[in-house]
Amino acid sequence: GQPHAAYLTPDMSLYDMASSIYESSVMLLEHFRCHPAIISYSNKNFYGNRIKPMRLSKKSEQLSPALVAIYTPQGYRESKNSKHINRIEAKAIIEEMKLLLKDERYAN
């Protein structure tokens, strides 16, 4: 038999299985994938600011500010075939993107 057969069930993810079998874990502290402004949210809210962003962004990738909140009070979520769509919110995002594309700070 399989030594860890109890963990090989359809409702057990690979992460669940590994964390049940192995007592210790390793946290990777250097993060290369996301722009620092993007990973900073997760770093602050979930990792206690232990992650060190290592990605160097090109000037053309730098947005200021990196995140903008846009209130869409008329927005509502439509649910169809287990998909959720907020068309008004999507249109607001498209309009904001159009403005960014016209902004000379983000040319090229």
N, C-alpha and C. Protein backbone atom coordinates (compact mmCIF):
# COMPACT_ATOMS: atom_id res chain seq x y z
N GLY A 1 0.65 -1.17 0.00
CA GLY A 1 0.00 0.00 0.00
C GLY A 1 0.73 1.31 0.00
N GLN A 2 -0.06 2.24 -0.34
CA GLN A 2 0.37 3.64 -0.37
C GLN A 2 0.50 4.16 1.06
N PRO A 3 1.67 4.67 1.45
CA PRO A 3 1.86 5.11 2.84
C PRO A 3 0.99 6.31 3.23
N HIS A 4 0.55 7.10 2.29
CA HIS A 4 -0.26 8.27 2.60
C HIS A 4 -1.63 8.19 1.93
N ALA A 5 -2.18 6.99 1.85
CA ALA A 5 -3.46 6.76 1.17
C ALA A 5 -4.59 7.60 1.76
N ALA A 6 -4.55 7.86 3.05
CA ALA A 6 -5.61 8.63 3.70
C ALA A 6 -5.70 10.05 3.14
N TYR A 7 -4.61 10.54 2.57
CA TYR A 7 -4.59 11.91 2.04
C TYR A 7 -4.93 11.96 0.55
N LEU A 8 -5.08 10.83 -0.09
CA LEU A 8 -5.36 10.78 -1.53
C LEU A 8 -6.86 10.69 -1.78
N THR A 9 -7.54 11.76 -1.47
CA THR A 9 -8.99 11.81 -1.66
C THR A 9 -9.33 12.96 -2.61
N PRO A 10 -10.46 12.88 -3.29
CA PRO A 10 -10.83 13.93 -4.25
C PRO A 10 -10.97 15.33 -3.64
N ASP A 11 -11.31 15.39 -2.35
CA ASP A 11 -11.50 16.70 -1.73
C ASP A 11 -10.23 17.26 -1.09
N MET A 12 -9.10 16.57 -1.25
CA MET A 12 -7.83 17.01 -0.66
C MET A 12 -6.95 17.58 -1.77
N SER A 13 -6.57 18.85 -1.64
CA SER A 13 -5.69 19.47 -2.63
C SER A 13 -4.25 19.02 -2.39
N LEU A 14 -3.39 19.25 -3.37
CA LEU A 14 -1.97 18.92 -3.18
C LEU A 14 -1.39 19.72 -2.02
N TYR A 15 -1.81 20.97 -1.87
CA TYR A 15 -1.34 21.78 -0.76
C TYR A 15 -1.78 21.17 0.57
N ASP A 16 -3.06 20.77 0.67
CA ASP A 16 -3.56 20.14 1.90
C ASP A 16 -2.78 18.88 2.22
N MET A 17 -2.53 18.08 1.19
CA MET A 17 -1.80 16.83 1.39
C MET A 17 -0.38 17.11 1.89
N ALA A 18 0.32 18.02 1.24
CA ALA A 18 1.69 18.32 1.64
C ALA A 18 1.76 18.88 3.05
N SER A 19 0.84 19.79 3.39
CA SER A 19 0.89 20.38 4.73
C SER A 19 0.48 19.38 5.81
N SER A 20 -0.26 18.34 5.45
CA SER A 20 -0.62 17.30 6.42
C SER A 20 0.52 16.30 6.62
N ILE A 21 1.25 16.01 5.57
CA ILE A 21 2.32 15.02 5.63
C ILE A 21 3.61 15.61 6.20
N TYR A 22 3.96 16.82 5.78
CA TYR A 22 5.22 17.44 6.19
C TYR A 22 4.97 18.49 7.25
N GLU A 23 5.74 18.42 8.33
CA GLU A 23 5.53 19.32 9.46
C GLU A 23 6.07 20.73 9.20
N SER A 24 7.18 20.84 8.52
CA SER A 24 7.79 22.16 8.34
C SER A 24 7.48 22.71 6.96
N SER A 25 7.64 24.00 6.82
CA SER A 25 7.42 24.64 5.53
C SER A 25 8.51 25.68 5.30
N VAL A 26 8.64 26.09 4.07
CA VAL A 26 9.62 27.10 3.69
C VAL A 26 8.86 28.25 3.05
N MET A 27 9.15 29.46 3.48
CA MET A 27 8.52 30.62 2.86
C MET A 27 9.54 31.31 1.99
N LEU A 28 9.19 31.50 0.73
CA LEU A 28 10.06 32.22 -0.18
C LEU A 28 9.85 33.71 0.05
N LEU A 29 10.90 34.40 0.40
CA LEU A 29 10.79 35.80 0.77
C LEU A 29 11.08 36.77 -0.37
N GLU A 30 11.70 36.30 -1.43
CA GLU A 30 12.00 37.16 -2.57
C GLU A 30 10.97 36.91 -3.66
N HIS A 31 10.39 37.99 -4.18
CA HIS A 31 9.30 37.87 -5.16
C HIS A 31 9.70 38.60 -6.44
N PHE A 32 9.77 37.85 -7.54
CA PHE A 32 10.25 38.40 -8.81
C PHE A 32 9.15 38.62 -9.85
N ARG A 33 7.96 38.06 -9.66
CA ARG A 33 6.97 38.05 -10.74
C ARG A 33 6.20 39.36 -10.89
N CYS A 34 5.60 39.84 -9.82
CA CYS A 34 4.72 41.01 -9.91
C CYS A 34 5.48 42.32 -9.74
N HIS A 35 4.90 43.35 -10.28
CA HIS A 35 5.37 44.71 -10.02
C HIS A 35 5.26 44.95 -8.51
N PRO A 36 6.22 45.63 -7.89
CA PRO A 36 6.18 45.87 -6.44
C PRO A 36 4.87 46.49 -5.95
N ALA A 37 4.27 47.36 -6.75
CA ALA A 37 3.01 47.98 -6.33
C ALA A 37 1.88 46.97 -6.26
N ILE A 38 1.97 45.92 -7.05
CA ILE A 38 0.92 44.88 -7.04
C ILE A 38 1.13 43.93 -5.86
N ILE A 39 2.33 43.44 -5.67
CA ILE A 39 2.59 42.48 -4.59
C ILE A 39 2.50 43.15 -3.22
N SER A 40 2.61 44.47 -3.15
CA SER A 40 2.58 45.15 -1.85
C SER A 40 1.26 44.92 -1.12
N TYR A 41 0.16 44.79 -1.85
CA TYR A 41 -1.14 44.53 -1.21
C TYR A 41 -1.11 43.20 -0.46
N SER A 42 -0.72 42.13 -1.15
CA SER A 42 -0.65 40.82 -0.51
C SER A 42 0.40 40.80 0.59
N ASN A 43 1.52 41.45 0.32
CA ASN A 43 2.60 41.49 1.30
C ASN A 43 2.11 42.10 2.61
N LYS A 44 1.41 43.21 2.52
CA LYS A 44 0.92 43.90 3.71
C LYS A 44 -0.19 43.12 4.41
N ASN A 45 -1.16 42.64 3.63
CA ASN A 45 -2.36 42.04 4.21
C ASN A 45 -2.25 40.57 4.57
N PHE A 46 -1.31 39.84 3.96
CA PHE A 46 -1.25 38.40 4.20
C PHE A 46 0.11 37.89 4.66
N TYR A 47 1.17 38.63 4.40
CA TYR A 47 2.51 38.13 4.70
C TYR A 47 3.27 38.98 5.71
N GLY A 48 2.60 39.93 6.36
CA GLY A 48 3.26 40.73 7.38
C GLY A 48 4.47 41.50 6.87
N ASN A 49 4.42 41.92 5.62
CA ASN A 49 5.53 42.67 4.98
C ASN A 49 6.85 41.91 5.00
N ARG A 50 6.78 40.58 4.97
CA ARG A 50 8.02 39.78 4.96
C ARG A 50 8.55 39.54 3.56
N ILE A 51 7.74 39.79 2.53
CA ILE A 51 8.17 39.55 1.15
C ILE A 51 8.98 40.74 0.65
N LYS A 52 10.07 40.44 -0.02
CA LYS A 52 10.91 41.49 -0.59
C LYS A 52 10.70 41.50 -2.11
N PRO A 53 10.01 42.53 -2.64
CA PRO A 53 9.83 42.61 -4.09
C PRO A 53 11.18 42.79 -4.78
N MET A 54 11.45 41.97 -5.78
CA MET A 54 12.75 41.99 -6.45
C MET A 54 12.66 42.40 -7.91
N ARG A 55 11.46 42.56 -8.42
CA ARG A 55 11.31 42.89 -9.84
C ARG A 55 11.61 44.36 -10.07
N LEU A 56 12.47 44.61 -11.01
CA LEU A 56 12.79 45.98 -11.40
C LEU A 56 11.93 46.33 -12.61
N SER A 57 11.07 47.30 -12.44
CA SER A 57 10.18 47.65 -13.55
C SER A 57 10.82 48.70 -14.44
N LYS A 58 10.50 48.56 -15.73
CA LYS A 58 10.96 49.55 -16.70
C LYS A 58 10.16 50.83 -16.52
N LYS A 59 10.71 51.92 -16.96
CA LYS A 59 10.03 53.22 -16.85
C LYS A 59 8.64 53.16 -17.50
N SER A 60 8.53 52.45 -18.61
CA SER A 60 7.25 52.37 -19.32
C SER A 60 6.20 51.57 -18.55
N GLU A 61 6.62 50.79 -17.55
CA GLU A 61 5.68 49.99 -16.77
C GLU A 61 5.24 50.69 -15.48
N GLN A 62 5.81 51.81 -15.19
CA GLN A 62 5.53 52.48 -13.92
C GLN A 62 4.27 53.33 -14.03
N LEU A 63 3.30 53.01 -13.23
CA LEU A 63 2.05 53.77 -13.18
C LEU A 63 2.02 54.56 -11.89
N SER A 64 1.52 55.76 -11.96
CA SER A 64 1.43 56.57 -10.76
C SER A 64 0.08 57.28 -10.75
N PRO A 65 -0.78 56.96 -9.84
CA PRO A 65 -0.65 55.93 -8.82
C PRO A 65 -0.85 54.53 -9.41
N ALA A 66 -0.38 53.53 -8.72
CA ALA A 66 -0.46 52.15 -9.22
C ALA A 66 -1.87 51.60 -9.14
N LEU A 67 -2.67 52.11 -8.23
CA LEU A 67 -4.03 51.61 -8.03
C LEU A 67 -4.96 52.79 -7.82
N VAL A 68 -6.10 52.77 -8.49
CA VAL A 68 -7.08 53.85 -8.37
C VAL A 68 -8.44 53.23 -8.10
N ALA A 69 -9.14 53.74 -7.10
CA ALA A 69 -10.50 53.27 -6.81
C ALA A 69 -11.48 54.13 -7.59
N ILE A 70 -12.39 53.48 -8.28
CA ILE A 70 -13.42 54.19 -9.04
C ILE A 70 -14.77 53.67 -8.57
N TYR A 71 -15.57 54.56 -8.04
CA TYR A 71 -16.88 54.20 -7.51
C TYR A 71 -17.90 54.15 -8.64
N THR A 72 -18.58 53.04 -8.78
CA THR A 72 -19.62 52.88 -9.80
C THR A 72 -20.94 52.53 -9.10
N PRO A 73 -21.66 53.54 -8.59
CA PRO A 73 -22.86 53.26 -7.79
C PRO A 73 -23.97 52.56 -8.56
N GLN A 74 -24.01 52.72 -9.89
CA GLN A 74 -25.07 52.07 -10.67
C GLN A 74 -24.72 50.63 -11.02
N GLY A 75 -23.52 50.21 -10.71
CA GLY A 75 -23.08 48.87 -11.09
C GLY A 75 -23.85 47.78 -10.36
N TYR A 76 -24.03 46.68 -11.03
CA TYR A 76 -24.66 45.51 -10.42
C TYR A 76 -24.12 44.26 -11.11
N ARG A 77 -24.14 43.16 -10.39
CA ARG A 77 -23.59 41.93 -10.92
C ARG A 77 -24.70 41.06 -11.51
N GLU A 78 -24.50 40.67 -12.76
CA GLU A 78 -25.40 39.73 -13.42
C GLU A 78 -24.80 38.34 -13.28
N SER A 79 -25.61 37.38 -12.95
CA SER A 79 -25.14 36.00 -12.86
C SER A 79 -25.82 35.17 -13.93
N LYS A 80 -24.99 34.48 -14.73
CA LYS A 80 -25.53 33.65 -15.80
C LYS A 80 -24.56 32.51 -16.04
N ASN A 81 -25.06 31.28 -15.99
CA ASN A 81 -24.23 30.09 -16.22
C ASN A 81 -22.98 30.10 -15.34
N SER A 82 -23.16 30.38 -14.07
CA SER A 82 -22.09 30.44 -13.06
C SER A 82 -21.01 31.47 -13.38
N LYS A 83 -21.33 32.44 -14.24
CA LYS A 83 -20.42 33.56 -14.52
C LYS A 83 -21.04 34.82 -13.94
N HIS A 84 -20.20 35.66 -13.38
CA HIS A 84 -20.68 36.90 -12.78
C HIS A 84 -20.09 38.07 -13.55
N ILE A 85 -20.95 38.96 -14.03
CA ILE A 85 -20.51 40.08 -14.86
C ILE A 85 -21.11 41.37 -14.31
N ASN A 86 -20.27 42.40 -14.20
CA ASN A 86 -20.73 43.73 -13.83
C ASN A 86 -20.39 44.64 -15.00
N ARG A 87 -21.33 44.80 -15.92
CA ARG A 87 -21.07 45.53 -17.17
C ARG A 87 -20.75 47.00 -16.94
N ILE A 88 -21.42 47.64 -16.01
CA ILE A 88 -21.17 49.06 -15.75
C ILE A 88 -19.76 49.25 -15.20
N GLU A 89 -19.35 48.37 -14.31
CA GLU A 89 -17.99 48.43 -13.77
C GLU A 89 -16.97 48.17 -14.87
N ALA A 90 -17.24 47.21 -15.74
CA ALA A 90 -16.33 46.91 -16.85
C ALA A 90 -16.19 48.12 -17.78
N LYS A 91 -17.30 48.79 -18.07
CA LYS A 91 -17.25 49.99 -18.93
C LYS A 91 -16.44 51.10 -18.26
N ALA A 92 -16.57 51.26 -16.94
CA ALA A 92 -15.81 52.28 -16.22
C ALA A 92 -14.31 51.98 -16.31
N ILE A 93 -13.95 50.72 -16.22
CA ILE A 93 -12.54 50.33 -16.34
C ILE A 93 -12.02 50.63 -17.74
N ILE A 94 -12.83 50.32 -18.75
CA ILE A 94 -12.43 50.59 -20.14
C ILE A 94 -12.21 52.09 -20.34
N GLU A 95 -13.10 52.92 -19.81
CA GLU A 95 -12.96 54.37 -19.95
C GLU A 95 -11.69 54.86 -19.26
N GLU A 96 -11.39 54.31 -18.10
CA GLU A 96 -10.16 54.69 -17.39
C GLU A 96 -8.92 54.27 -18.18
N MET A 97 -8.97 53.10 -18.79
CA MET A 97 -7.85 52.63 -19.61
C MET A 97 -7.66 53.54 -20.83
N LYS A 98 -8.75 54.00 -21.43
CA LYS A 98 -8.65 54.92 -22.57
C LYS A 98 -7.94 56.21 -22.16
N LEU A 99 -8.27 56.71 -20.96
CA LEU A 99 -7.60 57.92 -20.47
C LEU A 99 -6.10 57.68 -20.27
N LEU A 100 -5.76 56.52 -19.72
CA LEU A 100 -4.34 56.20 -19.51
C LEU A 100 -3.60 56.10 -20.84
N LEU A 101 -4.25 55.55 -21.85
CA LEU A 101 -3.60 55.42 -23.16
C LEU A 101 -3.32 56.78 -23.80
N LYS A 102 -4.10 57.79 -23.45
CA LYS A 102 -3.89 59.14 -23.98
C LYS A 102 -2.87 59.93 -23.16
N ASP A 103 -2.55 59.45 -21.97
CA ASP A 103 -1.64 60.15 -21.06
C ASP A 103 -0.20 60.01 -21.55
N GLU A 104 0.47 61.12 -21.78
CA GLU A 104 1.84 61.09 -22.31
C GLU A 104 2.84 60.42 -21.37
N ARG A 105 2.53 60.39 -20.08
CA ARG A 105 3.45 59.73 -19.14
C ARG A 105 3.61 58.24 -19.44
N TYR A 106 2.63 57.66 -20.10
CA TYR A 106 2.65 56.23 -20.37
C TYR A 106 2.83 55.93 -21.86
N ALA A 107 3.37 56.87 -22.59
CA ALA A 107 3.60 56.68 -24.03
C ALA A 107 4.59 55.54 -24.27
N ASN A 108 4.38 54.83 -25.35
CA ASN A 108 5.23 53.70 -25.76
C ASN A 108 5.19 52.57 -24.78
